[in-house]
Amino acid sequence: MPDERNTPMHAILLVNLGTPDAPDEESVRRYLKQFLSDQRVIQMNPIKWQPILRTMILPKRPAKSAALYQQIWTEQGSPLAYYTETQAQLLQERLPNHIVRHAMVYGSPSIESVLNELRELEITKLTVLPLYPQYSSTTTASVFDQVSQYYQKQIYIPEIRMISDFSMDPDYTAAMAAKIDAVVNDIHPDQVVFSYHGIPQSYVDQGDPYAARCMTSTEAIVAQMTTTVSTKLTYQSRFGRDPWLLPATDTTLKKLPTQGIKKIAVIAPSFVADCLETVYEIDIENREYFMAAGGEQFTFVPPFNDDAAFIDLLAKLATTH
C-alpha cells in the first residue's frame, strides 16, 4: 500500500475502443472475438450468440475486415493506436506532475495490463477518461466494467474518478464548432453532415441515452458556430440485422445529390481519433456513395487526432473536479 506520507501520485488513464495489432486475418479475428463477445456490445444471451459468432461471423468476417484495415494502415500502424498513444504522450507533456497512460478496451495495451503497471507505481489517485464524447452503454460502460472488475481483485484501491461523458463540455463543443467553421469558410458546402457511430435502436429503447447525447451535443456545436449552414445528423457503422438508429449515413449520402445538395462536409463527432470508421467508412466508402449519386464535392473533417485544443480539453477534464 502506498505510504500516505508521500506526495499523492495521480494517474490519468485514457481509454479508447481498440484495434487489431496488425491488418491480417488472424489479428482481426482475435480482435473481433474479444469485441463481439462483450455483452455490452452484443446484448444477446451468450448461449445463443456465441454459436453464431463462432460459426457464422468469425470464419468469414476477419478476412473481409483485414482487407479494409490494409487500406488504412500507415507506417505508424493503426491510426487509432497511433493517435491514442500520441494523445497520451501530449497530455503527459501538458501535465508533467501526473502519470498519463493509455489503454484499449479490446486489444493492446489492455486495461488490465496498464492498471497493473499503475499499481506497481503505487498511484494514490486514478482518473479514467474514456475517449468517447457521448456516453453509451456499448462503449463507456465497458470501460467502467473492466476497471471495476480489475479493482474487485485488488487489496488497495486508489481514489478513482471516472468521466462518463463530455459531449456538452463547452470546450469540446467550441473546438468542434471551430473545425466546422474553418471548413465552411473554405469550401462553402451546401450542408454539413454530423455522422455519429450508431447503436441498435433497442438499446436506446431500454434507456441508453446515446441518441439524446448526440442530438444535444450537435445542437450545442451548431450554436457555437460563427458560420451559418444547413446541418443533418446521421448514424453510421450498422452491424447485424436489427434496427439501428436512423437516419443512416450511407443511405442519406446516396440521396442528398438528388435533393440538390451537391457539396457537403462530413464530420464524425463521436470519434476523437482516426480509425477504420473515419478513414475508410466515411472518407472512402461514403465518399464514393455520394459522388456516384451525383455529388460534386465531398470534404471529410477529420477528428481531433493530435490537435492542441483537444489536449487542452483532456487536461481540463482530467484535473478539474
Protein backbone atom coordinates (compact mmCIF):
# COMPACT_ATOMS: atom_id res chain seq x y z
CA MET A 1 0.00 0.00 0.00
CA PRO A 2 1.33 3.49 -0.81
CA ASP A 3 2.83 5.44 2.09
CA GLU A 4 0.29 8.12 2.97
CA ARG A 5 3.15 10.44 3.95
CA ASN A 6 4.34 10.55 0.36
CA THR A 7 3.09 13.03 -2.19
CA PRO A 8 -0.09 11.62 -3.80
CA MET A 9 0.52 10.15 -7.23
CA HIS A 10 -2.28 11.00 -9.65
CA ALA A 11 -2.57 8.84 -12.76
CA ILE A 12 -4.72 9.57 -15.80
CA LEU A 13 -5.83 6.69 -17.98
CA LEU A 14 -7.08 7.49 -21.48
CA VAL A 15 -9.11 4.63 -22.94
CA ASN A 16 -10.26 4.07 -26.50
CA LEU A 17 -12.07 1.19 -28.16
CA GLY A 18 -9.19 -0.75 -29.65
CA THR A 19 -7.78 -2.03 -32.91
CA PRO A 20 -6.21 -5.20 -34.29
CA ASP A 21 -2.46 -5.47 -33.75
CA ALA A 22 -1.91 -5.97 -37.47
CA PRO A 23 -4.03 -5.81 -40.65
CA ASP A 24 -4.05 -9.56 -41.11
CA GLU A 25 -6.81 -12.13 -40.77
CA GLU A 26 -5.62 -13.74 -37.54
CA SER A 27 -5.11 -10.43 -35.73
CA VAL A 28 -8.52 -9.19 -36.84
CA ARG A 29 -10.16 -12.47 -35.78
CA ARG A 30 -8.62 -12.18 -32.32
CA TYR A 31 -9.79 -8.58 -32.02
CA LEU A 32 -13.32 -9.27 -33.27
CA LYS A 33 -13.72 -12.25 -30.97
CA GLN A 34 -12.99 -10.08 -27.95
CA PHE A 35 -15.04 -7.12 -29.18
CA LEU A 36 -18.11 -9.10 -30.21
CA SER A 37 -18.05 -11.22 -27.04
CA ASP A 38 -18.66 -8.15 -24.89
CA GLN A 39 -22.25 -8.31 -23.66
CA ARG A 40 -22.35 -4.52 -23.58
CA VAL A 41 -21.85 -4.57 -27.34
CA ILE A 42 -24.00 -7.58 -28.21
CA GLN A 43 -26.86 -7.75 -25.73
CA MET A 44 -27.91 -11.26 -26.61
CA ASN A 45 -27.79 -14.31 -24.36
CA PRO A 46 -24.25 -15.73 -24.86
CA ILE A 47 -25.70 -19.22 -25.13
CA LYS A 48 -27.45 -18.06 -28.32
CA TRP A 49 -24.88 -15.53 -29.53
CA GLN A 50 -21.60 -17.41 -29.16
CA PRO A 51 -22.50 -20.20 -31.62
CA ILE A 52 -23.48 -17.52 -34.15
CA LEU A 53 -20.25 -15.62 -33.54
CA ARG A 54 -18.04 -18.70 -33.78
CA THR A 55 -19.70 -20.45 -36.72
CA MET A 56 -21.05 -17.61 -38.89
CA ILE A 57 -19.06 -14.44 -38.18
CA LEU A 58 -15.51 -15.34 -37.13
CA PRO A 59 -14.92 -17.79 -40.01
CA LYS A 60 -15.75 -15.14 -42.67
CA ARG A 61 -15.66 -11.54 -41.41
CA PRO A 62 -11.95 -11.33 -40.37
CA ALA A 63 -10.70 -11.73 -43.95
CA LYS A 64 -13.04 -9.02 -45.20
CA SER A 65 -12.20 -6.66 -42.32
CA ALA A 66 -8.47 -7.30 -42.69
CA ALA A 67 -8.67 -6.13 -46.30
CA LEU A 68 -10.25 -2.88 -45.12
CA TYR A 69 -7.64 -2.36 -42.40
CA GLN A 70 -4.91 -2.82 -45.01
CA GLN A 71 -6.30 0.22 -46.84
CA ILE A 72 -5.94 2.50 -43.80
CA TRP A 73 -2.75 1.09 -42.21
CA THR A 74 0.14 3.54 -42.18
CA GLU A 75 3.88 3.43 -41.48
CA GLN A 76 2.93 4.11 -37.84
CA GLY A 77 0.47 1.21 -37.88
CA SER A 78 -3.19 1.53 -36.93
CA PRO A 79 -4.31 5.21 -36.98
CA LEU A 80 -6.36 4.66 -33.82
CA ALA A 81 -3.45 3.12 -31.94
CA TYR A 82 -1.06 5.81 -33.16
CA TYR A 83 -3.24 8.78 -32.29
CA THR A 84 -4.38 7.39 -28.94
CA GLU A 85 -0.77 6.88 -27.91
CA THR A 86 0.10 10.34 -29.25
CA GLN A 87 -2.73 11.92 -27.27
CA ALA A 88 -1.41 10.28 -24.10
CA GLN A 89 2.13 11.47 -24.82
CA LEU A 90 1.00 15.03 -25.47
CA LEU A 91 -1.14 15.02 -22.34
CA GLN A 92 1.85 13.77 -20.34
CA GLU A 93 3.85 16.74 -21.64
CA ARG A 94 0.97 19.03 -20.72
CA LEU A 95 0.69 17.54 -17.19
CA PRO A 96 4.25 16.64 -16.11
CA ASN A 97 3.22 16.15 -12.48
CA HIS A 98 0.78 13.38 -13.40
CA ILE A 99 1.28 9.87 -14.73
CA VAL A 100 -0.51 9.54 -18.08
CA ARG A 101 -1.15 6.20 -19.75
CA HIS A 102 -3.46 4.89 -22.47
CA ALA A 103 -5.26 1.58 -22.90
CA MET A 104 -7.75 -0.14 -25.17
CA VAL A 105 -10.96 -1.91 -24.21
CA TYR A 106 -10.19 -4.56 -26.82
CA GLY A 107 -6.68 -5.38 -27.98
CA SER A 108 -3.49 -3.90 -26.62
CA PRO A 109 -2.43 -2.33 -24.40
CA SER A 110 -5.22 -3.83 -22.33
CA ILE A 111 -6.81 -2.00 -19.42
CA GLU A 112 -5.68 -4.76 -17.07
CA SER A 113 -2.04 -4.56 -18.16
CA VAL A 114 -1.92 -0.79 -17.75
CA LEU A 115 -3.63 -0.91 -14.35
CA ASN A 116 -1.04 -3.49 -13.29
CA GLU A 117 1.68 -1.02 -14.26
CA LEU A 118 -0.02 1.80 -12.35
CA ARG A 119 -0.36 -0.46 -9.30
CA GLU A 120 3.39 -1.06 -9.36
CA LEU A 121 3.89 2.71 -9.47
CA GLU A 122 1.79 2.91 -6.28
CA ILE A 123 -0.61 5.55 -7.51
CA THR A 124 -3.00 7.02 -4.96
CA LYS A 125 -5.48 8.60 -7.36
CA LEU A 126 -6.77 7.49 -10.75
CA THR A 127 -8.82 9.42 -13.29
CA VAL A 128 -10.26 7.21 -16.02
CA LEU A 129 -11.15 9.13 -19.17
CA PRO A 130 -12.88 7.12 -21.91
CA LEU A 131 -12.29 8.82 -25.24
CA TYR A 132 -15.98 8.75 -26.17
CA PRO A 133 -17.60 12.22 -26.00
CA GLN A 134 -21.16 10.86 -25.95
CA TYR A 135 -21.93 8.24 -23.30
CA SER A 136 -23.26 4.87 -24.42
CA SER A 137 -23.62 1.58 -22.63
CA THR A 138 -21.87 0.00 -25.63
CA THR A 139 -18.67 1.99 -25.18
CA THR A 140 -18.19 3.98 -21.97
CA ALA A 141 -19.83 1.35 -19.77
CA SER A 142 -17.41 -1.32 -20.99
CA VAL A 143 -14.50 0.80 -19.76
CA PHE A 144 -16.12 1.10 -16.35
CA ASP A 145 -16.81 -2.64 -16.30
CA GLN A 146 -13.17 -3.55 -16.87
CA VAL A 147 -11.80 -1.03 -14.38
CA SER A 148 -14.28 -2.19 -11.74
CA GLN A 149 -13.53 -5.86 -12.39
CA TYR A 150 -9.83 -5.19 -12.00
CA TYR A 151 -10.16 -3.49 -8.64
CA GLN A 152 -12.52 -6.14 -7.31
CA LYS A 153 -9.41 -8.34 -7.11
CA GLN A 154 -7.10 -5.78 -5.51
CA ILE A 155 -6.32 -5.18 -1.86
CA TYR A 156 -5.53 -1.49 -2.26
CA ILE A 157 -7.87 0.69 -4.30
CA PRO A 158 -6.81 4.25 -5.13
CA GLU A 159 -9.24 7.14 -5.21
CA ILE A 160 -10.96 6.62 -8.56
CA ARG A 161 -12.76 9.17 -10.69
CA MET A 162 -14.47 8.09 -13.89
CA ILE A 163 -15.58 10.57 -16.54
CA SER A 164 -18.64 9.25 -18.31
CA ASP A 165 -19.39 11.94 -20.89
CA PHE A 166 -18.02 15.25 -22.17
CA SER A 167 -20.41 15.84 -25.06
CA MET A 168 -21.71 19.09 -23.59
CA ASP A 169 -18.42 20.43 -22.30
CA PRO A 170 -18.14 23.95 -23.74
CA ASP A 171 -14.51 23.42 -24.75
CA TYR A 172 -15.43 20.25 -26.65
CA THR A 173 -18.34 21.87 -28.49
CA ALA A 174 -16.32 25.04 -29.18
CA ALA A 175 -13.42 23.04 -30.62
CA MET A 176 -15.81 21.07 -32.85
CA ALA A 177 -17.52 24.29 -33.95
CA ALA A 178 -14.16 25.84 -34.85
CA LYS A 179 -13.24 22.85 -37.02
CA ILE A 180 -16.53 23.11 -38.90
CA ASP A 181 -16.33 26.90 -39.26
CA ALA A 182 -12.92 26.58 -40.88
CA VAL A 183 -14.26 24.17 -43.49
CA VAL A 184 -17.45 26.14 -44.12
CA ASN A 185 -15.43 29.32 -44.69
CA ASP A 186 -13.14 27.43 -47.05
CA ILE A 187 -15.48 25.41 -49.27
CA HIS A 188 -18.97 26.81 -48.54
CA PRO A 189 -20.78 23.44 -48.54
CA ASP A 190 -24.50 23.08 -49.14
CA GLN A 191 -24.73 21.03 -45.95
CA VAL A 192 -22.65 19.70 -43.06
CA VAL A 193 -23.42 16.10 -42.10
CA PHE A 194 -22.80 15.07 -38.49
CA SER A 195 -22.17 11.33 -38.69
CA TYR A 196 -22.18 9.53 -35.34
CA HIS A 197 -21.41 5.87 -34.72
CA GLY A 198 -24.75 4.08 -34.49
CA ILE A 199 -26.13 1.64 -31.94
CA PRO A 200 -29.18 -0.63 -32.07
CA GLN A 201 -32.49 1.15 -31.57
CA SER A 202 -33.43 -1.42 -28.91
CA TYR A 203 -30.57 -0.21 -26.69
CA VAL A 204 -31.98 3.31 -26.75
CA ASP A 205 -35.46 1.94 -26.06
CA GLN A 206 -34.03 0.26 -22.94
CA GLY A 207 -32.65 3.55 -21.65
CA ASP A 208 -29.28 4.15 -23.30
CA PRO A 209 -29.03 7.99 -23.54
CA TYR A 210 -26.64 7.93 -26.50
CA ALA A 211 -29.04 9.23 -29.16
CA ALA A 212 -30.12 12.09 -26.91
CA ARG A 213 -26.47 12.95 -26.21
CA CYS A 214 -25.73 13.01 -29.95
CA MET A 215 -28.63 15.36 -30.55
CA THR A 216 -27.86 17.76 -27.71
CA SER A 217 -24.14 17.94 -28.48
CA THR A 218 -24.92 18.60 -32.16
CA GLU A 219 -27.21 21.45 -31.14
CA ALA A 220 -24.53 22.86 -28.83
CA ILE A 221 -21.86 22.65 -31.54
CA VAL A 222 -24.08 24.41 -34.08
CA ALA A 223 -24.94 27.09 -31.52
CA GLN A 224 -21.24 27.90 -31.13
CA MET A 225 -20.52 28.08 -34.86
CA THR A 226 -19.87 31.52 -36.30
CA THR A 227 -20.99 30.45 -39.77
CA THR A 228 -24.47 29.56 -40.96
CA VAL A 229 -25.01 26.35 -42.90
CA SER A 230 -27.60 23.58 -43.20
CA THR A 231 -26.82 20.56 -40.98
CA LYS A 232 -28.00 16.97 -40.72
CA LEU A 233 -27.45 14.30 -38.06
CA THR A 234 -26.93 10.70 -39.21
CA TYR A 235 -25.61 7.38 -37.83
CA GLN A 236 -23.05 5.04 -39.37
CA SER A 237 -21.46 1.61 -38.87
CA ARG A 238 -24.57 -0.56 -38.70
CA PHE A 239 -23.88 -4.19 -37.79
CA GLY A 240 -26.34 -7.09 -37.96
CA ARG A 241 -29.97 -7.19 -38.98
CA ASP A 242 -31.68 -5.49 -36.03
CA PRO A 243 -32.94 -1.91 -36.48
CA TRP A 244 -30.31 0.71 -35.69
CA LEU A 245 -30.58 4.43 -35.11
CA LEU A 246 -31.73 6.39 -38.14
CA PRO A 247 -31.17 8.10 -40.47
CA ALA A 248 -28.25 6.03 -41.75
CA THR A 249 -25.23 7.93 -43.07
CA ASP A 250 -24.79 5.82 -46.19
CA THR A 251 -28.47 5.98 -47.19
CA THR A 252 -28.53 9.73 -46.57
CA LEU A 253 -25.45 10.43 -48.66
CA LYS A 254 -26.87 8.46 -51.56
CA LYS A 255 -29.98 10.67 -51.50
CA LEU A 256 -28.54 14.14 -50.93
CA PRO A 257 -27.43 14.83 -54.54
CA THR A 258 -30.95 14.07 -55.77
CA GLN A 259 -32.17 16.78 -53.36
CA GLY A 260 -29.86 19.38 -54.85
CA ILE A 261 -27.19 19.07 -52.15
CA LYS A 262 -24.04 18.56 -54.21
CA LYS A 263 -21.32 19.93 -51.91
CA ILE A 264 -21.04 18.53 -48.38
CA ALA A 265 -18.70 18.38 -45.45
CA VAL A 266 -18.90 15.35 -43.15
CA ILE A 267 -17.73 15.36 -39.54
CA ALA A 268 -17.78 12.47 -37.05
CA PRO A 269 -18.18 13.97 -33.54
CA SER A 270 -18.23 10.62 -31.71
CA PHE A 271 -14.65 9.86 -32.79
CA VAL A 272 -11.64 11.71 -31.35
CA ALA A 273 -9.04 9.81 -33.39
CA ASP A 274 -8.93 8.48 -36.92
CA CYS A 275 -9.86 4.81 -37.28
CA LEU A 276 -11.49 2.39 -39.70
CA GLU A 277 -14.85 4.13 -39.28
CA THR A 278 -13.47 7.53 -40.29
CA VAL A 279 -10.65 6.86 -42.74
CA TYR A 280 -12.35 4.04 -44.62
CA GLU A 281 -16.07 4.10 -43.90
CA ILE A 282 -16.56 7.83 -44.29
CA ASP A 283 -13.69 9.16 -46.36
CA ILE A 284 -13.54 6.25 -48.82
CA GLU A 285 -16.79 4.26 -48.81
CA ASN A 286 -19.32 7.02 -48.15
CA ARG A 287 -17.41 9.46 -50.33
CA GLU A 288 -17.87 7.01 -53.20
CA TYR A 289 -21.60 6.68 -52.46
CA PHE A 290 -22.08 10.44 -52.52
CA MET A 291 -20.05 11.09 -55.65
CA ALA A 292 -21.63 8.15 -57.51
CA ALA A 293 -25.07 9.57 -56.72
CA GLY A 294 -24.19 12.88 -58.39
CA GLY A 295 -22.31 14.74 -55.69
CA GLU A 296 -19.73 17.29 -56.76
CA GLN A 297 -17.62 17.93 -53.66
CA PHE A 298 -17.09 15.80 -50.55
CA THR A 299 -14.95 17.07 -47.69
CA PHE A 300 -14.24 14.98 -44.63
CA VAL A 301 -13.43 16.93 -41.47
CA PRO A 302 -11.00 14.69 -39.54
CA PRO A 303 -11.27 14.01 -35.80
CA PHE A 304 -9.14 15.86 -33.27
CA ASN A 305 -6.22 13.42 -33.52
CA ASP A 306 -3.27 15.44 -32.14
CA ASP A 307 -4.95 18.88 -32.12
CA ALA A 308 -3.69 21.08 -29.29
CA ALA A 309 -7.25 22.17 -28.45
CA PHE A 310 -8.19 18.57 -27.71
CA ILE A 311 -5.15 18.00 -25.50
CA ASP A 312 -6.12 21.13 -23.57
CA LEU A 313 -9.64 19.71 -23.19
CA LEU A 314 -8.30 16.39 -21.89
CA ALA A 315 -6.10 18.22 -19.39
CA LYS A 316 -9.07 20.18 -18.09
CA LEU A 317 -11.32 17.15 -17.88
CA ALA A 318 -8.71 15.07 -16.06
CA THR A 319 -7.74 17.68 -13.48
CA THR A 320 -10.98 19.57 -12.78
CA HIS A 321 -13.35 18.26 -10.12
